Amino acid sequence: MTKKLDPTKKKRTEQQKSWLRRQINDPYVERSHKEGYRSRAAYKLIEINDKFKLLHSGQKILDLGAAPGSWLQVVQKKVGKSGVVVGVDLTAIEPIEHVTCLEGDFRDDGILAQLYAMGPFDGVLSDMAASSTGFLSVDQLKMAGLIEELLDYLPLLLAPGGFFIFKTFQGGLNNAIQKRLKDLFKTVKHVKPPASRSDSRETYVACQDAKHSLSTAG
């Protein structure tokens, strides 16, 4: 008897197989399913917050590049109904109770106008990353460009004394960016949360206590 092939099943590449094996064996994936988070990325923010204690009840928090929404879920639990939580992404975010989700580019005039009306924010988050080329030096340059652009907009969004958490790549912060961060914030700390896979080049930066001059920084 000849075995029939299912035309809907495509042959997986070795890279896809490796990703599937990693997902199946990842305790954070299983935990996210049990605890109702949309992705394992939730635990990166949870672990960063456990270390720095940045999220509190009643805060206004903005999450840039927020889809699928796991960071928004974490934030909403921390700030509660008295807080304001806003997520922006080019991809539509499935609704989350007590969270405002905006679809579009945060740099667009229409989105910015809405953010200005709701801000300034006590904290700005970014788990965004520039698309990977596979070449380390190129990826670092692209990531640096993204971070520089975020810093250009940050003075318009963040309240004095606020915090900024963002993703970068190891070795991805050039001297100019590090100087800008030190000029804008009293404290700048690098952190690699346990939920960030050890084979990933991603790392995070937690910037605290935005200086009062932030609102007029050029």
C-alpha atoms as a PDB file:
ATOM      1  CA  MET A   1       0.000   0.000   0.000  1.00  0.00           C
ATOM      2  CA  THR A   2       1.420   3.371  -1.015  1.00  0.00           C
ATOM      3  CA  LYS A   3       1.501   5.997   1.676  1.00  0.00           C
ATOM      4  CA  LYS A   4      -0.370   9.122   0.648  1.00  0.00           C
ATOM      5  CA  LEU A   5       1.405  12.418   1.077  1.00  0.00           C
ATOM      6  CA  ASP A   6      -0.391  15.302   2.676  1.00  0.00           C
ATOM      7  CA  PRO A   7       0.020  18.249   0.244  1.00  0.00           C
ATOM      8  CA  THR A   8      -0.548  20.712   3.122  1.00  0.00           C
ATOM      9  CA  LYS A   9       2.619  19.539   4.881  1.00  0.00           C
ATOM     10  CA  LYS A  10       5.723  21.164   3.490  1.00  0.00           C
ATOM     11  CA  LYS A  11       9.187  19.821   4.151  1.00  0.00           C
ATOM     12  CA  ARG A  12      10.719  21.768   6.998  1.00  0.00           C
ATOM     13  CA  THR A  13      14.203  23.230   6.756  1.00  0.00           C
ATOM     14  CA  GLU A  14      16.830  22.367   9.347  1.00  0.00           C
ATOM     15  CA  GLN A  15      16.483  25.895  10.734  1.00  0.00           C
ATOM     16  CA  GLN A  16      12.729  25.408  11.184  1.00  0.00           C
ATOM     17  CA  LYS A  17      13.265  22.024  12.817  1.00  0.00           C
ATOM     18  CA  SER A  18      15.804  23.542  15.195  1.00  0.00           C
ATOM     19  CA  TRP A  19      13.371  26.335  16.110  1.00  0.00           C
ATOM     20  CA  LEU A  20      10.586  23.826  16.773  1.00  0.00           C
ATOM     21  CA  ARG A  21      12.834  21.688  19.000  1.00  0.00           C
ATOM     22  CA  ARG A  22      13.870  24.771  20.925  1.00  0.00           C
ATOM     23  CA  GLN A  23      10.259  25.868  21.409  1.00  0.00           C
ATOM     24  CA  ILE A  24       9.179  22.425  22.595  1.00  0.00           C
ATOM     25  CA  ASN A  25      12.022  22.218  25.118  1.00  0.00           C
ATOM     26  CA  ASP A  26      11.795  25.827  26.316  1.00  0.00           C
ATOM     27  CA  PRO A  27      10.354  26.103  29.867  1.00  0.00           C
ATOM     28  CA  TYR A  28       9.442  29.748  29.270  1.00  0.00           C
ATOM     29  CA  VAL A  29       7.221  28.773  26.337  1.00  0.00           C
ATOM     30  CA  GLU A  30       5.375  26.232  28.479  1.00  0.00           C
ATOM     31  CA  ARG A  31       5.112  28.722  31.335  1.00  0.00           C
ATOM     32  CA  SER A  32       3.714  31.440  29.070  1.00  0.00           C
ATOM     33  CA  HIS A  33       0.977  29.076  27.915  1.00  0.00           C
ATOM     34  CA  LYS A  34       0.047  28.182  31.486  1.00  0.00           C
ATOM     35  CA  GLU A  35       0.074  31.771  32.737  1.00  0.00           C
ATOM     36  CA  GLY A  36      -1.752  33.271  29.758  1.00  0.00           C
ATOM     37  CA  TYR A  37       0.995  35.415  28.239  1.00  0.00           C
ATOM     38  CA  ARG A  38       1.037  35.839  24.488  1.00  0.00           C
ATOM     39  CA  SER A  39       4.734  35.013  24.185  1.00  0.00           C
ATOM     40  CA  ARG A  40       7.732  33.974  26.262  1.00  0.00           C
ATOM     41  CA  ALA A  41       9.045  37.543  25.887  1.00  0.00           C
ATOM     42  CA  ALA A  42       6.848  38.503  28.850  1.00  0.00           C
ATOM     43  CA  TYR A  43       9.405  36.985  31.201  1.00  0.00           C
ATOM     44  CA  LYS A  44      12.198  39.188  29.886  1.00  0.00           C
ATOM     45  CA  LEU A  45      10.313  42.254  31.112  1.00  0.00           C
ATOM     46  CA  ILE A  46       9.241  40.520  34.326  1.00  0.00           C
ATOM     47  CA  GLU A  47      12.876  39.673  35.132  1.00  0.00           C
ATOM     48  CA  ILE A  48      14.117  43.158  34.232  1.00  0.00           C
ATOM     49  CA  ASN A  49      11.456  44.679  36.464  1.00  0.00           C
ATOM     50  CA  ASP A  50      12.266  42.261  39.296  1.00  0.00           C
ATOM     51  CA  LYS A  51      15.836  43.575  39.155  1.00  0.00           C
ATOM     52  CA  PHE A  52      15.150  47.313  38.877  1.00  0.00           C
ATOM     53  CA  LYS A  53      11.615  47.705  40.360  1.00  0.00           C
ATOM     54  CA  LEU A  54      10.495  50.216  37.714  1.00  0.00           C
ATOM     55  CA  LEU A  55       6.819  49.397  37.236  1.00  0.00           C
ATOM     56  CA  HIS A  56       4.317  50.635  39.839  1.00  0.00           C
ATOM     57  CA  SER A  57       0.592  51.168  40.248  1.00  0.00           C
ATOM     58  CA  GLY A  58      -0.882  54.220  38.521  1.00  0.00           C
ATOM     59  CA  GLN A  59       1.944  54.853  36.055  1.00  0.00           C
ATOM     60  CA  LYS A  60       1.643  55.860  32.408  1.00  0.00           C
ATOM     61  CA  ILE A  61       3.644  53.430  30.261  1.00  0.00           C
ATOM     62  CA  LEU A  62       4.277  53.402  26.507  1.00  0.00           C
ATOM     63  CA  ASP A  63       5.411  50.227  24.716  1.00  0.00           C
ATOM     64  CA  LEU A  64       6.840  50.717  21.215  1.00  0.00           C
ATOM     65  CA  GLY A  65       6.891  47.695  18.929  1.00  0.00           C
ATOM     66  CA  ALA A  66       4.411  46.052  21.262  1.00  0.00           C
ATOM     67  CA  ALA A  67       2.956  43.167  19.204  1.00  0.00           C
ATOM     68  CA  PRO A  68       1.867  40.543  20.042  1.00  0.00           C
ATOM     69  CA  GLY A  69       1.295  42.209  23.428  1.00  0.00           C
ATOM     70  CA  SER A  70       3.013  40.140  26.110  1.00  0.00           C
ATOM     71  CA  TRP A  71       4.877  43.157  27.524  1.00  0.00           C
ATOM     72  CA  LEU A  72       1.596  45.076  27.579  1.00  0.00           C
ATOM     73  CA  GLN A  73       0.058  42.248  29.616  1.00  0.00           C
ATOM     74  CA  VAL A  74       2.890  42.460  32.156  1.00  0.00           C
ATOM     75  CA  VAL A  75       2.665  46.246  32.379  1.00  0.00           C
ATOM     76  CA  GLN A  76      -1.104  46.302  32.791  1.00  0.00           C
ATOM     77  CA  LYS A  77      -0.896  43.883  35.720  1.00  0.00           C
ATOM     78  CA  LYS A  78       1.705  46.108  37.383  1.00  0.00           C
ATOM     79  CA  VAL A  79       0.131  49.536  36.875  1.00  0.00           C
ATOM     80  CA  GLY A  80      -3.463  48.410  37.390  1.00  0.00           C
ATOM     81  CA  LYS A  81      -6.689  50.106  36.334  1.00  0.00           C
ATOM     82  CA  SER A  82      -5.457  53.459  37.676  1.00  0.00           C
ATOM     83  CA  GLY A  83      -2.578  53.454  35.185  1.00  0.00           C
ATOM     84  CA  VAL A  84      -2.398  54.237  31.486  1.00  0.00           C
ATOM     85  CA  VAL A  85      -0.905  51.627  29.157  1.00  0.00           C
ATOM     86  CA  VAL A  86      -0.370  52.283  25.456  1.00  0.00           C
ATOM     87  CA  GLY A  87       1.096  49.942  22.860  1.00  0.00           C
ATOM     88  CA  VAL A  88       2.106  50.849  19.310  1.00  0.00           C
ATOM     89  CA  ASP A  89       3.063  48.493  16.501  1.00  0.00           C
ATOM     90  CA  LEU A  90       2.961  48.294  12.722  1.00  0.00           C
ATOM     91  CA  THR A  91       1.048  45.038  13.226  1.00  0.00           C
ATOM     92  CA  ALA A  92      -2.409  45.018  14.763  1.00  0.00           C
ATOM     93  CA  ILE A  93      -2.412  44.009  18.436  1.00  0.00           C
ATOM     94  CA  GLU A  94      -5.272  41.883  19.685  1.00  0.00           C
ATOM     95  CA  PRO A  95      -7.229  43.915  22.281  1.00  0.00           C
ATOM     96  CA  ILE A  96      -6.126  43.785  25.923  1.00  0.00           C
ATOM     97  CA  GLU A  97      -8.408  45.034  28.675  1.00  0.00           C
ATOM     98  CA  HIS A  98      -7.430  48.477  30.026  1.00  0.00           C
ATOM     99  CA  VAL A  99      -4.778  48.895  27.299  1.00  0.00           C
ATOM    100  CA  THR A 100      -4.854  51.282  24.327  1.00  0.00           C
ATOM    101  CA  CYS A 101      -3.421  49.618  21.216  1.00  0.00           C
ATOM    102  CA  LEU A 102      -2.462  51.751  18.225  1.00  0.00           C
ATOM    103  CA  GLU A 103      -1.629  50.298  14.823  1.00  0.00           C
ATOM    104  CA  GLY A 104       0.938  52.218  12.818  1.00  0.00           C
ATOM    105  CA  ASP A 105       4.371  53.792  12.934  1.00  0.00           C
ATOM    106  CA  PHE A 106       4.871  55.747  16.162  1.00  0.00           C
ATOM    107  CA  ARG A 107       6.742  58.404  14.158  1.00  0.00           C
ATOM    108  CA  ASP A 108       3.681  59.222  12.047  1.00  0.00           C
ATOM    109  CA  ASP A 109       2.048  62.556  12.864  1.00  0.00           C
ATOM    110  CA  GLY A 110      -1.323  60.989  13.667  1.00  0.00           C
ATOM    111  CA  ILE A 111       0.145  58.459  16.113  1.00  0.00           C
ATOM    112  CA  LEU A 112       2.432  61.039  17.698  1.00  0.00           C
ATOM    113  CA  ALA A 113      -0.486  63.399  18.254  1.00  0.00           C
ATOM    114  CA  GLN A 114      -2.325  60.673  20.171  1.00  0.00           C
ATOM    115  CA  LEU A 115       0.769  59.851  22.225  1.00  0.00           C
ATOM    116  CA  TYR A 116       1.341  63.514  23.104  1.00  0.00           C
ATOM    117  CA  ALA A 117      -2.258  63.769  24.257  1.00  0.00           C
ATOM    118  CA  MET A 118      -1.869  60.765  26.559  1.00  0.00           C
ATOM    119  CA  GLY A 119       1.649  61.541  27.801  1.00  0.00           C
ATOM    120  CA  PRO A 120       4.134  62.361  29.019  1.00  0.00           C
ATOM    121  CA  PHE A 121       4.859  58.806  30.111  1.00  0.00           C
ATOM    122  CA  ASP A 122       6.554  57.561  33.279  1.00  0.00           C
ATOM    123  CA  GLY A 123       8.231  54.838  31.269  1.00  0.00           C
ATOM    124  CA  VAL A 124       8.902  53.988  27.637  1.00  0.00           C
ATOM    125  CA  LEU A 125       9.640  50.405  26.570  1.00  0.00           C
ATOM    126  CA  SER A 126      11.034  49.070  23.318  1.00  0.00           C
ATOM    127  CA  ASP A 127      11.582  45.432  22.408  1.00  0.00           C
ATOM    128  CA  MET A 128      12.050  46.448  18.777  1.00  0.00           C
ATOM    129  CA  ALA A 129      14.956  45.209  16.697  1.00  0.00           C
ATOM    130  CA  ALA A 130      16.116  46.126  13.230  1.00  0.00           C
ATOM    131  CA  SER A 131      15.640  43.287  10.727  1.00  0.00           C
ATOM    132  CA  SER A 132      18.634  40.943  10.742  1.00  0.00           C
ATOM    133  CA  THR A 133      20.919  40.566   7.731  1.00  0.00           C
ATOM    134  CA  GLY A 134      23.015  37.790   9.269  1.00  0.00           C
ATOM    135  CA  PHE A 135      26.119  39.989   9.189  1.00  0.00           C
ATOM    136  CA  LEU A 136      27.067  41.114  12.703  1.00  0.00           C
ATOM    137  CA  SER A 137      28.640  44.454  11.787  1.00  0.00           C
ATOM    138  CA  VAL A 138      25.703  45.419   9.547  1.00  0.00           C
ATOM    139  CA  ASP A 139      23.135  44.346  12.152  1.00  0.00           C
ATOM    140  CA  GLN A 140      24.914  46.378  14.825  1.00  0.00           C
ATOM    141  CA  LEU A 141      24.842  49.460  12.614  1.00  0.00           C
ATOM    142  CA  LYS A 142      21.128  48.999  11.861  1.00  0.00           C
ATOM    143  CA  MET A 143      20.350  48.525  15.544  1.00  0.00           C
ATOM    144  CA  ALA A 144      22.371  51.602  16.457  1.00  0.00           C
ATOM    145  CA  GLY A 145      20.370  53.616  13.918  1.00  0.00           C
ATOM    146  CA  LEU A 146      17.102  52.421  15.432  1.00  0.00           C
ATOM    147  CA  ILE A 147      18.220  53.329  18.958  1.00  0.00           C
ATOM    148  CA  GLU A 148      19.389  56.772  17.852  1.00  0.00           C
ATOM    149  CA  GLU A 149      15.985  57.401  16.304  1.00  0.00           C
ATOM    150  CA  LEU A 150      14.238  56.299  19.500  1.00  0.00           C
ATOM    151  CA  LEU A 151      16.402  58.730  21.465  1.00  0.00           C
ATOM    152  CA  ASP A 152      15.433  61.527  19.073  1.00  0.00           C
ATOM    153  CA  TYR A 153      11.752  61.054  19.958  1.00  0.00           C
ATOM    154  CA  LEU A 154      12.205  60.204  23.616  1.00  0.00           C
ATOM    155  CA  PRO A 155      12.335  63.824  24.879  1.00  0.00           C
ATOM    156  CA  LEU A 156       8.841  64.349  23.482  1.00  0.00           C
ATOM    157  CA  LEU A 157       7.376  61.284  25.184  1.00  0.00           C
ATOM    158  CA  LEU A 158       9.093  60.719  28.536  1.00  0.00           C
ATOM    159  CA  ALA A 159       8.402  62.656  31.733  1.00  0.00           C
ATOM    160  CA  PRO A 160      11.277  63.959  33.892  1.00  0.00           C
ATOM    161  CA  GLY A 161      12.350  61.216  36.281  1.00  0.00           C
ATOM    162  CA  GLY A 162      11.016  58.547  33.926  1.00  0.00           C
ATOM    163  CA  PHE A 163      12.688  55.374  32.676  1.00  0.00           C
ATOM    164  CA  PHE A 164      13.489  53.808  29.323  1.00  0.00           C
ATOM    165  CA  ILE A 165      14.017  50.075  28.716  1.00  0.00           C
ATOM    166  CA  PHE A 166      15.170  49.004  25.275  1.00  0.00           C
ATOM    167  CA  LYS A 167      16.686  46.079  23.416  1.00  0.00           C
ATOM    168  CA  THR A 168      20.023  46.172  21.687  1.00  0.00           C
ATOM    169  CA  PHE A 169      22.644  43.703  20.458  1.00  0.00           C
ATOM    170  CA  GLN A 170      25.850  42.902  22.294  1.00  0.00           C
ATOM    171  CA  GLY A 171      28.380  45.440  21.106  1.00  0.00           C
ATOM    172  CA  GLY A 172      25.625  47.440  19.464  1.00  0.00           C
ATOM    173  CA  LEU A 173      25.971  50.660  21.459  1.00  0.00           C
ATOM    174  CA  ASN A 174      28.540  52.989  19.960  1.00  0.00           C
ATOM    175  CA  ASN A 175      30.257  55.724  21.979  1.00  0.00           C
ATOM    176  CA  ALA A 176      27.895  58.414  20.702  1.00  0.00           C
ATOM    177  CA  ILE A 177      24.811  56.503  21.892  1.00  0.00           C
ATOM    178  CA  GLN A 178      26.363  55.747  25.276  1.00  0.00           C
ATOM    179  CA  LYS A 179      27.159  59.431  25.729  1.00  0.00           C
ATOM    180  CA  ARG A 180      23.600  60.434  24.825  1.00  0.00           C
ATOM    181  CA  LEU A 181      22.200  57.950  27.341  1.00  0.00           C
ATOM    182  CA  LYS A 182      24.430  59.299  30.092  1.00  0.00           C
ATOM    183  CA  ASP A 183      23.431  62.854  29.193  1.00  0.00           C
ATOM    184  CA  LEU A 184      19.734  61.977  29.317  1.00  0.00           C
ATOM    185  CA  PHE A 185      19.609  59.684  32.355  1.00  0.00           C
ATOM    186  CA  LYS A 186      21.177  59.576  35.784  1.00  0.00           C
ATOM    187  CA  THR A 187      21.532  55.774  35.684  1.00  0.00           C
ATOM    188  CA  VAL A 188      22.189  53.472  32.732  1.00  0.00           C
ATOM    189  CA  LYS A 189      22.442  49.717  33.379  1.00  0.00           C
ATOM    190  CA  HIS A 190      22.918  46.778  31.020  1.00  0.00           C
ATOM    191  CA  VAL A 191      21.069  43.540  31.737  1.00  0.00           C
ATOM    192  CA  LYS A 192      20.733  40.106  30.136  1.00  0.00           C
ATOM    193  CA  PRO A 193      17.582  38.602  31.690  1.00  0.00           C
ATOM    194  CA  PRO A 194      17.570  34.798  32.095  1.00  0.00           C
ATOM    195  CA  ALA A 195      14.592  34.567  29.718  1.00  0.00           C
ATOM    196  CA  SER A 196      16.795  35.928  26.939  1.00  0.00           C
ATOM    197  CA  ARG A 197      18.304  32.829  25.373  1.00  0.00           C
ATOM    198  CA  SER A 198      22.020  32.392  25.974  1.00  0.00           C
ATOM    199  CA  ASP A 199      22.687  31.918  22.254  1.00  0.00           C
ATOM    200  CA  SER A 200      20.950  35.208  21.415  1.00  0.00           C
ATOM    201  CA  ARG A 201      22.990  38.374  20.882  1.00  0.00           C
ATOM    202  CA  GLU A 202      20.175  40.481  22.309  1.00  0.00           C
ATOM    203  CA  THR A 203      20.646  42.356  25.542  1.00  0.00           C
ATOM    204  CA  TYR A 204      18.710  45.114  27.284  1.00  0.00           C
ATOM    205  CA  VAL A 205      19.442  48.528  28.730  1.00  0.00           C
ATOM    206  CA  ALA A 206      17.529  49.998  31.662  1.00  0.00           C
ATOM    207  CA  CYS A 207      17.832  53.792  31.860  1.00  0.00           C
ATOM    208  CA  GLN A 208      16.474  55.418  35.015  1.00  0.00           C
ATOM    209  CA  ASP A 209      15.758  58.919  36.303  1.00  0.00           C
ATOM    210  CA  ALA A 210      15.440  60.986  33.142  1.00  0.00           C
ATOM    211  CA  LYS A 211      16.992  64.372  33.780  1.00  0.00           C
ATOM    212  CA  HIS A 212      14.756  67.447  33.804  1.00  0.00           C
ATOM    213  CA  SER A 213      16.595  68.742  30.743  1.00  0.00           C
ATOM    214  CA  LEU A 214      15.221  65.753  28.789  1.00  0.00           C
ATOM    215  CA  SER A 215      12.155  67.711  27.684  1.00  0.00           C
ATOM    216  CA  THR A 216      14.348  70.266  25.915  1.00  0.00           C
ATOM    217  CA  ALA A 217      17.172  67.994  24.789  1.00  0.00           C
ATOM    218  CA  GLY A 218      18.091  68.378  21.153  1.00  0.00           C
END
